[in-house]
Amino acid sequence: MELELRHLQALCAIADAGSLTRAATLLGVSQPALTAQLQRVERELGAQVFLRGRHGVTPTPLGQYLLTRARGIVLAVEELRRSARQHTPAQRPVIRLGGIAGAVSVGLADRLSDLLPEAEVRLTTEYSPRLLWDLLLADRLDAVAMVDYPGFLLRQPVSVLAEVVAVEPVFVAMSQRHRLADRDSVDLAELADEPWALSPPDGSGWPDCFLVACEQAGFTPRVLYTVADALPLRELVATRRAIAACQAVFDSTDGVVVKPLTGDPVKMRHLLVCRGDAPVAHLFDRLVRLARQAYWAYASRRPHYQDWLRANSVAATPD
């Protein structure tokens, strides 16, 4: 086997990610396939490039030497490609947008397509904000609509632009037949004995921030269901098998009511982040306005959230 550029790119990705699993995600391949590729490289070299451990991988002395040379080669090839593109016929530019599935990403993609009709806008949605963040830093995405939480706020490098799109309270979804369904708001401590359904960890602070709020309210929630998809979550709530912490924009239909938590003990921030060298970086302020328009257009379709906004004198406007 001869070493190829893709092998060097894989080695750099493994070193940057610190684990084969995260590197495989960033490269868009399976973890077994990446492991097999690394093993072939090590057989070709006759020595280990990385030491494997429970907490990830670390380069061996050979690996450190190889990575130093590999990074120089990869950067040189990338520069060669950029230079070559200047001498080829113009192609339709591609804008790579990422986002969590929810209130901002699809609406932002539509508005960005209208703003830049000459460009092709491609949207990638993921459950985990952490994964989207990694894809952004790995130059797999140009801009990302994501979320973070109090106590787990995003720390971005100076090379990344970031702006808050909206701050949204976490509400609770319950059956319309629930004993508290007629309340304007519900105290979190009143829900101490309820069975809960929560969405799984997203790598960025959920559900940790909610569990902290429950602890401060004097209880540990009895989580019977961990559900990532909104449809089975709604079914669990509507059939009174559980209540669920949810976004304020969660739909209150089909036997489900969505109620504010008294005092808003848990909030989330919707963010737009963009690499400083991305092709849309010079339009970042306009992208932020478009993201806010997308969020508030989505929120306007949720009467229970509109009631909360009015009661709390929050202006539901893009700026």
C-alpha atoms as a PDB file:
ATOM      1  CA  MET A   1       0.000   0.000   0.000  1.00  0.00           C
ATOM      2  CA  GLU A   2       1.241   3.492  -0.853  1.00  0.00           C
ATOM      3  CA  LEU A   3       0.504   6.475   1.368  1.00  0.00           C
ATOM      4  CA  GLU A   4      -1.998   8.817  -0.262  1.00  0.00           C
ATOM      5  CA  LEU A   5      -3.303  12.261   0.575  1.00  0.00           C
ATOM      6  CA  ARG A   6      -6.499  10.798   2.056  1.00  0.00           C
ATOM      7  CA  HIS A   7      -4.398   8.788   4.514  1.00  0.00           C
ATOM      8  CA  LEU A   8      -2.588  11.935   5.661  1.00  0.00           C
ATOM      9  CA  GLN A   9      -5.898  13.802   5.991  1.00  0.00           C
ATOM     10  CA  ALA A  10      -7.266  10.946   8.109  1.00  0.00           C
ATOM     11  CA  LEU A  11      -4.225  10.995  10.403  1.00  0.00           C
ATOM     12  CA  CYS A  12      -4.588  14.758  10.915  1.00  0.00           C
ATOM     13  CA  ALA A  13      -8.316  14.374  11.649  1.00  0.00           C
ATOM     14  CA  ILE A  14      -7.655  11.638  14.234  1.00  0.00           C
ATOM     15  CA  ALA A  15      -5.036  13.772  15.981  1.00  0.00           C
ATOM     16  CA  ASP A  16      -7.258  16.871  15.994  1.00  0.00           C
ATOM     17  CA  ALA A  17     -10.327  14.978  17.236  1.00  0.00           C
ATOM     18  CA  GLY A  18      -8.436  12.991  19.871  1.00  0.00           C
ATOM     19  CA  SER A  19     -10.493   9.871  19.174  1.00  0.00           C
ATOM     20  CA  LEU A  20     -11.310   7.598  16.271  1.00  0.00           C
ATOM     21  CA  THR A  21     -15.045   7.966  16.857  1.00  0.00           C
ATOM     22  CA  ARG A  22     -15.088  11.773  16.601  1.00  0.00           C
ATOM     23  CA  ALA A  23     -12.652  11.733  13.682  1.00  0.00           C
ATOM     24  CA  ALA A  24     -14.873   9.292  11.791  1.00  0.00           C
ATOM     25  CA  THR A  25     -17.848  11.613  12.280  1.00  0.00           C
ATOM     26  CA  LEU A  26     -15.897  14.616  10.991  1.00  0.00           C
ATOM     27  CA  LEU A  27     -14.635  12.673   7.976  1.00  0.00           C
ATOM     28  CA  GLY A  28     -18.066  11.244   7.197  1.00  0.00           C
ATOM     29  CA  VAL A  29     -16.968   7.597   7.437  1.00  0.00           C
ATOM     30  CA  SER A  30     -17.730   4.769   9.835  1.00  0.00           C
ATOM     31  CA  GLN A  31     -15.492   4.230  12.854  1.00  0.00           C
ATOM     32  CA  PRO A  32     -14.577   0.635  11.799  1.00  0.00           C
ATOM     33  CA  ALA A  33     -13.589   1.869   8.322  1.00  0.00           C
ATOM     34  CA  LEU A  34     -11.354   4.577   9.788  1.00  0.00           C
ATOM     35  CA  THR A  35      -9.790   2.089  12.225  1.00  0.00           C
ATOM     36  CA  ALA A  36      -9.036  -0.290   9.359  1.00  0.00           C
ATOM     37  CA  GLN A  37      -7.474   2.530   7.363  1.00  0.00           C
ATOM     38  CA  LEU A  38      -5.246   3.503  10.301  1.00  0.00           C
ATOM     39  CA  GLN A  39      -4.168  -0.099  10.760  1.00  0.00           C
ATOM     40  CA  ARG A  40      -3.189  -0.320   7.072  1.00  0.00           C
ATOM     41  CA  VAL A  41      -1.096   2.846   7.404  1.00  0.00           C
ATOM     42  CA  GLU A  42       0.619   1.459  10.520  1.00  0.00           C
ATOM     43  CA  ARG A  43       1.354  -1.823   8.753  1.00  0.00           C
ATOM     44  CA  GLU A  44       2.881   0.100   5.852  1.00  0.00           C
ATOM     45  CA  LEU A  45       5.078   2.099   8.249  1.00  0.00           C
ATOM     46  CA  GLY A  46       5.892  -0.875  10.440  1.00  0.00           C
ATOM     47  CA  ALA A  47       5.040   0.939  13.695  1.00  0.00           C
ATOM     48  CA  GLN A  48       2.156   2.508  15.614  1.00  0.00           C
ATOM     49  CA  VAL A  49       1.166   6.077  14.798  1.00  0.00           C
ATOM     50  CA  PHE A  50      -1.205   6.450  17.767  1.00  0.00           C
ATOM     51  CA  LEU A  51      -1.463   4.888  21.194  1.00  0.00           C
ATOM     52  CA  ARG A  52      -5.084   3.866  21.940  1.00  0.00           C
ATOM     53  CA  GLY A  53      -6.544   4.311  25.407  1.00  0.00           C
ATOM     54  CA  ARG A  54      -9.861   4.603  27.217  1.00  0.00           C
ATOM     55  CA  HIS A  55      -9.789   8.379  26.834  1.00  0.00           C
ATOM     56  CA  GLY A  56      -8.840   8.518  23.167  1.00  0.00           C
ATOM     57  CA  VAL A  57      -5.627   8.422  21.157  1.00  0.00           C
ATOM     58  CA  THR A  58      -2.251  10.138  21.482  1.00  0.00           C
ATOM     59  CA  PRO A  59       0.509  10.243  18.843  1.00  0.00           C
ATOM     60  CA  THR A  60       3.625   8.128  19.297  1.00  0.00           C
ATOM     61  CA  PRO A  61       7.014   9.767  18.579  1.00  0.00           C
ATOM     62  CA  LEU A  62       6.693   8.442  15.020  1.00  0.00           C
ATOM     63  CA  GLY A  63       3.158   9.818  14.915  1.00  0.00           C
ATOM     64  CA  GLN A  64       4.294  13.284  16.007  1.00  0.00           C
ATOM     65  CA  TYR A  65       6.930  13.346  13.266  1.00  0.00           C
ATOM     66  CA  LEU A  66       4.480  12.061  10.677  1.00  0.00           C
ATOM     67  CA  LEU A  67       1.784  14.545  11.668  1.00  0.00           C
ATOM     68  CA  THR A  68       4.177  17.492  11.367  1.00  0.00           C
ATOM     69  CA  ARG A  69       5.045  16.486   7.801  1.00  0.00           C
ATOM     70  CA  ALA A  70       1.467  15.467   6.959  1.00  0.00           C
ATOM     71  CA  ARG A  71      -0.019  18.814   8.000  1.00  0.00           C
ATOM     72  CA  GLY A  72       2.437  20.656   5.766  1.00  0.00           C
ATOM     73  CA  ILE A  73       1.549  18.436   2.802  1.00  0.00           C
ATOM     74  CA  VAL A  74      -2.218  18.738   3.375  1.00  0.00           C
ATOM     75  CA  LEU A  75      -2.007  22.547   3.649  1.00  0.00           C
ATOM     76  CA  ALA A  76       0.134  22.740   0.502  1.00  0.00           C
ATOM     77  CA  VAL A  77      -2.385  20.675  -1.472  1.00  0.00           C
ATOM     78  CA  GLU A  78      -5.272  22.814  -0.212  1.00  0.00           C
ATOM     79  CA  GLU A  79      -3.429  25.948  -1.306  1.00  0.00           C
ATOM     80  CA  LEU A  80      -2.757  24.347  -4.702  1.00  0.00           C
ATOM     81  CA  ARG A  81      -6.468  23.616  -5.091  1.00  0.00           C
ATOM     82  CA  ARG A  82      -7.448  27.173  -4.147  1.00  0.00           C
ATOM     83  CA  SER A  83      -4.974  28.592  -6.639  1.00  0.00           C
ATOM     84  CA  ALA A  84      -6.147  26.225  -9.368  1.00  0.00           C
ATOM     85  CA  ARG A  85      -9.765  27.300  -8.892  1.00  0.00           C
ATOM     86  CA  GLN A  86      -8.775  30.856  -9.791  1.00  0.00           C
ATOM     87  CA  HIS A  87      -7.870  29.609 -13.260  1.00  0.00           C
ATOM     88  CA  THR A  88     -11.029  27.575 -13.889  1.00  0.00           C
ATOM     89  CA  PRO A  89     -14.439  28.783 -15.161  1.00  0.00           C
ATOM     90  CA  ALA A  90     -16.634  30.234 -12.445  1.00  0.00           C
ATOM     91  CA  GLN A  91     -18.990  27.731 -10.801  1.00  0.00           C
ATOM     92  CA  ARG A  92     -22.092  28.306  -8.736  1.00  0.00           C
ATOM     93  CA  PRO A  93     -20.852  28.916  -5.152  1.00  0.00           C
ATOM     94  CA  VAL A  94     -21.997  26.512  -2.451  1.00  0.00           C
ATOM     95  CA  ILE A  95     -22.974  27.722   1.048  1.00  0.00           C
ATOM     96  CA  ARG A  96     -22.829  24.918   3.628  1.00  0.00           C
ATOM     97  CA  LEU A  97     -25.299  25.680   6.409  1.00  0.00           C
ATOM     98  CA  GLY A  98     -25.764  23.509   9.485  1.00  0.00           C
ATOM     99  CA  GLY A  99     -28.330  23.558  12.247  1.00  0.00           C
ATOM    100  CA  ILE A 100     -30.257  21.653  14.842  1.00  0.00           C
ATOM    101  CA  ALA A 101     -33.684  20.646  13.573  1.00  0.00           C
ATOM    102  CA  GLY A 102     -36.029  23.279  14.936  1.00  0.00           C
ATOM    103  CA  ALA A 103     -37.011  26.893  14.902  1.00  0.00           C
ATOM    104  CA  VAL A 104     -34.167  28.471  12.914  1.00  0.00           C
ATOM    105  CA  SER A 105     -32.321  26.236  10.467  1.00  0.00           C
ATOM    106  CA  VAL A 106     -34.900  25.572   7.711  1.00  0.00           C
ATOM    107  CA  GLY A 107     -36.235  29.124   7.726  1.00  0.00           C
ATOM    108  CA  LEU A 108     -32.701  30.500   7.631  1.00  0.00           C
ATOM    109  CA  ALA A 109     -31.804  28.260   4.678  1.00  0.00           C
ATOM    110  CA  ASP A 110     -34.847  29.520   2.746  1.00  0.00           C
ATOM    111  CA  ARG A 111     -34.041  33.160   3.480  1.00  0.00           C
ATOM    112  CA  LEU A 112     -30.374  32.688   2.652  1.00  0.00           C
ATOM    113  CA  SER A 113     -31.340  31.208  -0.721  1.00  0.00           C
ATOM    114  CA  ASP A 114     -33.437  34.303  -1.398  1.00  0.00           C
ATOM    115  CA  LEU A 115     -30.572  36.585  -0.336  1.00  0.00           C
ATOM    116  CA  LEU A 116     -28.013  34.768  -2.506  1.00  0.00           C
ATOM    117  CA  PRO A 117     -29.942  33.396  -5.523  1.00  0.00           C
ATOM    118  CA  GLU A 118     -26.665  32.809  -7.365  1.00  0.00           C
ATOM    119  CA  ALA A 119     -25.490  30.379  -4.651  1.00  0.00           C
ATOM    120  CA  GLU A 120     -26.536  26.833  -3.807  1.00  0.00           C
ATOM    121  CA  VAL A 121     -27.467  26.616  -0.117  1.00  0.00           C
ATOM    122  CA  ARG A 122     -27.042  23.149   1.371  1.00  0.00           C
ATOM    123  CA  LEU A 123     -28.488  22.443   4.824  1.00  0.00           C
ATOM    124  CA  THR A 124     -27.229  19.732   7.180  1.00  0.00           C
ATOM    125  CA  THR A 125     -29.218  19.142  10.387  1.00  0.00           C
ATOM    126  CA  GLU A 126     -27.915  17.251  13.410  1.00  0.00           C
ATOM    127  CA  TYR A 127     -29.275  16.591  16.894  1.00  0.00           C
ATOM    128  CA  SER A 128     -26.038  17.528  18.672  1.00  0.00           C
ATOM    129  CA  PRO A 129     -24.844  21.162  18.753  1.00  0.00           C
ATOM    130  CA  ARG A 130     -21.406  19.799  19.699  1.00  0.00           C
ATOM    131  CA  LEU A 131     -21.227  17.800  16.471  1.00  0.00           C
ATOM    132  CA  LEU A 132     -22.258  20.854  14.446  1.00  0.00           C
ATOM    133  CA  TRP A 133     -19.569  22.876  16.216  1.00  0.00           C
ATOM    134  CA  ASP A 134     -16.945  20.260  15.345  1.00  0.00           C
ATOM    135  CA  LEU A 135     -18.063  20.195  11.707  1.00  0.00           C
ATOM    136  CA  LEU A 136     -17.795  23.996  11.564  1.00  0.00           C
ATOM    137  CA  LEU A 137     -14.267  24.033  12.966  1.00  0.00           C
ATOM    138  CA  ALA A 138     -13.276  21.203  10.617  1.00  0.00           C
ATOM    139  CA  ASP A 139     -14.332  23.328   7.598  1.00  0.00           C
ATOM    140  CA  ARG A 140     -17.194  20.955   6.787  1.00  0.00           C
ATOM    141  CA  LEU A 141     -19.746  23.751   7.364  1.00  0.00           C
ATOM    142  CA  ASP A 142     -19.616  27.518   6.803  1.00  0.00           C
ATOM    143  CA  ALA A 143     -22.241  28.670   9.313  1.00  0.00           C
ATOM    144  CA  VAL A 144     -24.322  26.922  11.963  1.00  0.00           C
ATOM    145  CA  ALA A 145     -27.578  27.673  13.804  1.00  0.00           C
ATOM    146  CA  MET A 146     -27.158  25.990  17.195  1.00  0.00           C
ATOM    147  CA  VAL A 147     -28.053  26.307  20.873  1.00  0.00           C
ATOM    148  CA  ASP A 148     -26.355  26.417  24.246  1.00  0.00           C
ATOM    149  CA  TYR A 149     -27.528  26.681  27.866  1.00  0.00           C
ATOM    150  CA  PRO A 150     -26.782  28.722  31.022  1.00  0.00           C
ATOM    151  CA  GLY A 151     -23.825  27.208  32.821  1.00  0.00           C
ATOM    152  CA  PHE A 152     -22.769  25.466  29.612  1.00  0.00           C
ATOM    153  CA  LEU A 153     -22.248  28.462  27.345  1.00  0.00           C
ATOM    154  CA  LEU A 154     -20.353  28.130  24.097  1.00  0.00           C
ATOM    155  CA  ARG A 155     -16.717  29.228  24.171  1.00  0.00           C
ATOM    156  CA  GLN A 156     -15.717  30.183  20.668  1.00  0.00           C
ATOM    157  CA  PRO A 157     -12.218  30.929  19.383  1.00  0.00           C
ATOM    158  CA  VAL A 158     -11.506  34.413  18.045  1.00  0.00           C
ATOM    159  CA  SER A 159     -11.595  32.987  14.497  1.00  0.00           C
ATOM    160  CA  VAL A 160     -15.342  32.278  14.825  1.00  0.00           C
ATOM    161  CA  LEU A 161     -18.113  34.875  14.668  1.00  0.00           C
ATOM    162  CA  ALA A 162     -21.035  34.287  17.046  1.00  0.00           C
ATOM    163  CA  GLU A 163     -24.241  36.154  17.842  1.00  0.00           C
ATOM    164  CA  VAL A 164     -27.321  35.392  19.946  1.00  0.00           C
ATOM    165  CA  VAL A 165     -30.439  34.970  17.806  1.00  0.00           C
ATOM    166  CA  ALA A 166     -32.945  34.547  20.669  1.00  0.00           C
ATOM    167  CA  VAL A 167     -33.168  33.450  24.299  1.00  0.00           C
ATOM    168  CA  GLU A 168     -35.954  30.925  24.784  1.00  0.00           C
ATOM    169  CA  PRO A 169     -37.376  29.559  28.052  1.00  0.00           C
ATOM    170  CA  VAL A 170     -37.826  25.833  28.565  1.00  0.00           C
ATOM    171  CA  PHE A 171     -41.491  24.915  29.059  1.00  0.00           C
ATOM    172  CA  VAL A 172     -43.193  21.669  30.096  1.00  0.00           C
ATOM    173  CA  ALA A 173     -45.509  19.599  27.886  1.00  0.00           C
ATOM    174  CA  MET A 174     -48.339  17.638  29.496  1.00  0.00           C
ATOM    175  CA  SER A 175     -51.579  15.987  28.557  1.00  0.00           C
ATOM    176  CA  GLN A 176     -54.570  18.307  28.276  1.00  0.00           C
ATOM    177  CA  ARG A 177     -56.133  16.024  30.933  1.00  0.00           C
ATOM    178  CA  HIS A 178     -53.266  16.571  33.377  1.00  0.00           C
ATOM    179  CA  ARG A 179     -54.217  17.932  36.810  1.00  0.00           C
ATOM    180  CA  LEU A 180     -52.222  21.139  36.126  1.00  0.00           C
ATOM    181  CA  ALA A 181     -53.266  21.612  32.504  1.00  0.00           C
ATOM    182  CA  ASP A 182     -55.473  24.611  33.265  1.00  0.00           C
ATOM    183  CA  ARG A 183     -52.687  26.581  34.970  1.00  0.00           C
ATOM    184  CA  ASP A 184     -51.163  29.663  33.325  1.00  0.00           C
ATOM    185  CA  SER A 185     -47.762  28.476  34.569  1.00  0.00           C
ATOM    186  CA  VAL A 186     -46.443  25.596  36.657  1.00  0.00           C
ATOM    187  CA  ASP A 187     -43.890  25.638  39.463  1.00  0.00           C
ATOM    188  CA  LEU A 188     -41.149  23.111  38.748  1.00  0.00           C
ATOM    189  CA  ALA A 189     -41.303  21.811  42.340  1.00  0.00           C
ATOM    190  CA  GLU A 190     -44.964  20.813  41.777  1.00  0.00           C
ATOM    191  CA  LEU A 191     -43.740  18.262  39.227  1.00  0.00           C
ATOM    192  CA  ALA A 192     -41.394  16.417  41.592  1.00  0.00           C
ATOM    193  CA  ASP A 193     -43.466  13.209  41.630  1.00  0.00           C
ATOM    194  CA  GLU A 194     -44.235  13.090  37.918  1.00  0.00           C
ATOM    195  CA  PRO A 195     -42.808  10.558  35.448  1.00  0.00           C
ATOM    196  CA  TRP A 196     -40.654  12.399  32.901  1.00  0.00           C
ATOM    197  CA  ALA A 197     -39.675  11.979  29.279  1.00  0.00           C
ATOM    198  CA  LEU A 198     -36.504  13.841  28.298  1.00  0.00           C
ATOM    199  CA  SER A 199     -34.571  14.141  25.077  1.00  0.00           C
ATOM    200  CA  PRO A 200     -31.105  12.530  25.252  1.00  0.00           C
ATOM    201  CA  PRO A 201     -27.823  14.329  25.991  1.00  0.00           C
ATOM    202  CA  ASP A 202     -26.785  16.625  23.147  1.00  0.00           C
ATOM    203  CA  GLY A 203     -23.167  17.125  24.188  1.00  0.00           C
ATOM    204  CA  SER A 204     -23.685  20.825  24.884  1.00  0.00           C
ATOM    205  CA  GLY A 205     -25.433  20.934  28.246  1.00  0.00           C
ATOM    206  CA  TRP A 206     -28.796  19.235  27.801  1.00  0.00           C
ATOM    207  CA  PRO A 207     -30.347  17.726  29.886  1.00  0.00           C
ATOM    208  CA  ASP A 208     -27.724  18.682  32.486  1.00  0.00           C
ATOM    209  CA  CYS A 209     -29.026  22.247  32.812  1.00  0.00           C
ATOM    210  CA  PHE A 210     -32.556  20.925  33.399  1.00  0.00           C
ATOM    211  CA  LEU A 211     -31.377  18.400  36.007  1.00  0.00           C
ATOM    212  CA  VAL A 212     -29.557  21.199  37.843  1.00  0.00           C
ATOM    213  CA  ALA A 213     -32.783  23.240  37.904  1.00  0.00           C
ATOM    214  CA  CYS A 214     -34.691  20.251  39.293  1.00  0.00           C
ATOM    215  CA  GLU A 215     -32.071  19.786  42.007  1.00  0.00           C
ATOM    216  CA  GLN A 216     -32.403  23.461  42.931  1.00  0.00           C
ATOM    217  CA  ALA A 217     -36.178  22.913  43.121  1.00  0.00           C
ATOM    218  CA  GLY A 218     -35.602  20.116  45.617  1.00  0.00           C
ATOM    219  CA  PHE A 219     -35.995  16.907  43.630  1.00  0.00           C
ATOM    220  CA  THR A 220     -34.415  14.530  41.141  1.00  0.00           C
ATOM    221  CA  PRO A 221     -36.730  13.850  38.204  1.00  0.00           C
ATOM    222  CA  ARG A 222     -37.887  10.271  37.640  1.00  0.00           C
ATOM    223  CA  VAL A 223     -36.959   9.898  33.968  1.00  0.00           C
ATOM    224  CA  LEU A 224     -38.750   6.869  32.529  1.00  0.00           C
ATOM    225  CA  TYR A 225     -38.266   7.700  28.854  1.00  0.00           C
ATOM    226  CA  THR A 226     -35.345   9.092  26.879  1.00  0.00           C
ATOM    227  CA  VAL A 227     -36.693  10.063  23.466  1.00  0.00           C
ATOM    228  CA  ALA A 228     -34.977  11.982  20.680  1.00  0.00           C
ATOM    229  CA  ASP A 229     -37.885  12.222  18.234  1.00  0.00           C
ATOM    230  CA  ALA A 230     -40.781  14.626  18.769  1.00  0.00           C
ATOM    231  CA  LEU A 231     -43.500  12.242  17.550  1.00  0.00           C
ATOM    232  CA  PRO A 232     -43.066   9.471  20.169  1.00  0.00           C
ATOM    233  CA  LEU A 233     -42.436  12.144  22.786  1.00  0.00           C
ATOM    234  CA  ARG A 234     -45.774  13.736  21.939  1.00  0.00           C
ATOM    235  CA  GLU A 235     -47.471  10.314  22.111  1.00  0.00           C
ATOM    236  CA  LEU A 236     -46.066   9.672  25.599  1.00  0.00           C
ATOM    237  CA  VAL A 237     -47.290  13.058  26.799  1.00  0.00           C
ATOM    238  CA  ALA A 238     -50.732  12.896  25.167  1.00  0.00           C
ATOM    239  CA  THR A 239     -51.411   9.457  26.686  1.00  0.00           C
ATOM    240  CA  ARG A 240     -50.407  10.692  30.175  1.00  0.00           C
ATOM    241  CA  ARG A 241     -47.483   8.291  30.507  1.00  0.00           C
ATOM    242  CA  ALA A 242     -45.108  11.167  31.136  1.00  0.00           C
ATOM    243  CA  ILE A 243     -44.615  14.900  31.065  1.00  0.00           C
ATOM    244  CA  ALA A 244     -41.709  16.411  29.148  1.00  0.00           C
ATOM    245  CA  ALA A 245     -39.396  19.374  29.315  1.00  0.00           C
ATOM    246  CA  CYS A 246     -39.582  21.055  25.922  1.00  0.00           C
ATOM    247  CA  GLN A 247     -38.819  24.196  23.990  1.00  0.00           C
ATOM    248  CA  ALA A 248     -41.333  27.001  24.225  1.00  0.00           C
ATOM    249  CA  VAL A 249     -41.996  26.546  20.492  1.00  0.00           C
ATOM    250  CA  PHE A 250     -43.136  22.929  21.007  1.00  0.00           C
ATOM    251  CA  ASP A 251     -46.507  22.454  19.311  1.00  0.00           C
ATOM    252  CA  SER A 252     -49.513  22.378  21.681  1.00  0.00           C
ATOM    253  CA  THR A 253     -51.967  20.295  19.653  1.00  0.00           C
ATOM    254  CA  ASP A 254     -53.339  16.732  19.555  1.00  0.00           C
ATOM    255  CA  GLY A 255     -54.096  16.459  23.246  1.00  0.00           C
ATOM    256  CA  VAL A 256     -50.902  18.174  24.435  1.00  0.00           C
ATOM    257  CA  VAL A 257     -50.652  21.498  26.259  1.00  0.00           C
ATOM    258  CA  VAL A 258     -47.406  23.413  26.746  1.00  0.00           C
ATOM    259  CA  LYS A 259     -46.985  25.438  29.928  1.00  0.00           C
ATOM    260  CA  PRO A 260     -44.350  27.919  31.129  1.00  0.00           C
ATOM    261  CA  LEU A 261     -42.350  27.069  34.243  1.00  0.00           C
ATOM    262  CA  THR A 262     -42.799  29.713  36.939  1.00  0.00           C
ATOM    263  CA  GLY A 263     -39.745  31.949  37.133  1.00  0.00           C
ATOM    264  CA  ASP A 264     -38.212  30.476  33.953  1.00  0.00           C
ATOM    265  CA  PRO A 265     -35.638  28.315  35.779  1.00  0.00           C
ATOM    266  CA  VAL A 266     -34.180  26.943  32.512  1.00  0.00           C
ATOM    267  CA  LYS A 267     -33.390  28.851  29.339  1.00  0.00           C
ATOM    268  CA  MET A 268     -31.566  28.185  26.107  1.00  0.00           C
ATOM    269  CA  ARG A 269     -29.785  30.470  23.692  1.00  0.00           C
ATOM    270  CA  HIS A 270     -30.213  30.178  19.940  1.00  0.00           C
ATOM    271  CA  LEU A 271     -26.933  31.163  18.303  1.00  0.00           C
ATOM    272  CA  LEU A 272     -25.617  31.752  14.830  1.00  0.00           C
ATOM    273  CA  VAL A 273     -21.916  30.972  14.437  1.00  0.00           C
ATOM    274  CA  CYS A 274     -19.734  31.364  11.371  1.00  0.00           C
ATOM    275  CA  ARG A 275     -16.059  30.814  10.625  1.00  0.00           C
ATOM    276  CA  GLY A 276     -14.228  34.068   9.992  1.00  0.00           C
ATOM    277  CA  ASP A 277     -12.849  32.714   6.704  1.00  0.00           C
ATOM    278  CA  ALA A 278     -16.190  31.346   5.454  1.00  0.00           C
ATOM    279  CA  PRO A 279     -17.538  32.703   2.142  1.00  0.00           C
ATOM    280  CA  VAL A 280     -20.521  34.248   3.974  1.00  0.00           C
ATOM    281  CA  ALA A 281     -18.507  35.810   6.823  1.00  0.00           C
ATOM    282  CA  HIS A 282     -18.772  39.278   5.268  1.00  0.00           C
ATOM    283  CA  LEU A 283     -22.566  38.879   5.370  1.00  0.00           C
ATOM    284  CA  PHE A 284     -22.688  37.724   8.986  1.00  0.00           C
ATOM    285  CA  ASP A 285     -24.768  40.651  10.299  1.00  0.00           C
ATOM    286  CA  ARG A 286     -27.364  40.050   7.577  1.00  0.00           C
ATOM    287  CA  LEU A 287     -27.367  36.324   8.352  1.00  0.00           C
ATOM    288  CA  VAL A 288     -28.096  37.102  12.001  1.00  0.00           C
ATOM    289  CA  ARG A 289     -31.087  39.222  10.988  1.00  0.00           C
ATOM    290  CA  LEU A 290     -32.346  36.428   8.737  1.00  0.00           C
ATOM    291  CA  ALA A 291     -31.941  33.893  11.557  1.00  0.00           C
ATOM    292  CA  ARG A 292     -33.960  36.134  13.891  1.00  0.00           C
ATOM    293  CA  GLN A 293     -36.670  36.534  11.270  1.00  0.00           C
ATOM    294  CA  ALA A 294     -36.792  32.737  10.887  1.00  0.00           C
ATOM    295  CA  TYR A 295     -37.025  32.173  14.642  1.00  0.00           C
ATOM    296  CA  TRP A 296     -39.774  34.711  15.289  1.00  0.00           C
ATOM    297  CA  ALA A 297     -41.770  33.570  12.254  1.00  0.00           C
ATOM    298  CA  TYR A 298     -41.677  30.042  13.698  1.00  0.00           C
ATOM    299  CA  ALA A 299     -42.548  31.300  17.192  1.00  0.00           C
ATOM    300  CA  SER A 300     -45.513  33.282  15.863  1.00  0.00           C
ATOM    301  CA  ARG A 301     -47.261  29.971  15.100  1.00  0.00           C
ATOM    302  CA  ARG A 302     -47.297  28.974  18.795  1.00  0.00           C
ATOM    303  CA  PRO A 303     -50.156  30.800  20.632  1.00  0.00           C
ATOM    304  CA  HIS A 304     -49.027  29.627  24.097  1.00  0.00           C
ATOM    305  CA  TYR A 305     -45.569  31.119  23.479  1.00  0.00           C
ATOM    306  CA  GLN A 306     -47.073  34.346  22.169  1.00  0.00           C
ATOM    307  CA  ASP A 307     -49.099  34.601  25.384  1.00  0.00           C
ATOM    308  CA  TRP A 308     -45.921  34.208  27.442  1.00  0.00           C
ATOM    309  CA  LEU A 309     -44.070  36.803  25.358  1.00  0.00           C
ATOM    310  CA  ARG A 310     -46.848  39.341  25.885  1.00  0.00           C
ATOM    311  CA  ALA A 311     -47.098  38.587  29.605  1.00  0.00           C
ATOM    312  CA  ASN A 312     -43.350  39.082  29.995  1.00  0.00           C
ATOM    313  CA  SER A 313     -43.159  42.148  27.726  1.00  0.00           C
ATOM    314  CA  VAL A 314     -40.769  40.431  25.330  1.00  0.00           C
ATOM    315  CA  ALA A 315     -40.784  41.961  21.868  1.00  0.00           C
ATOM    316  CA  ALA A 316     -41.222  39.198  19.287  1.00  0.00           C
ATOM    317  CA  THR A 317     -39.326  41.034  16.550  1.00  0.00           C
ATOM    318  CA  PRO A 318     -36.283  40.145  14.452  1.00  0.00           C
ATOM    319  CA  ASP A 319     -34.161  43.019  15.845  1.00  0.00           C
END
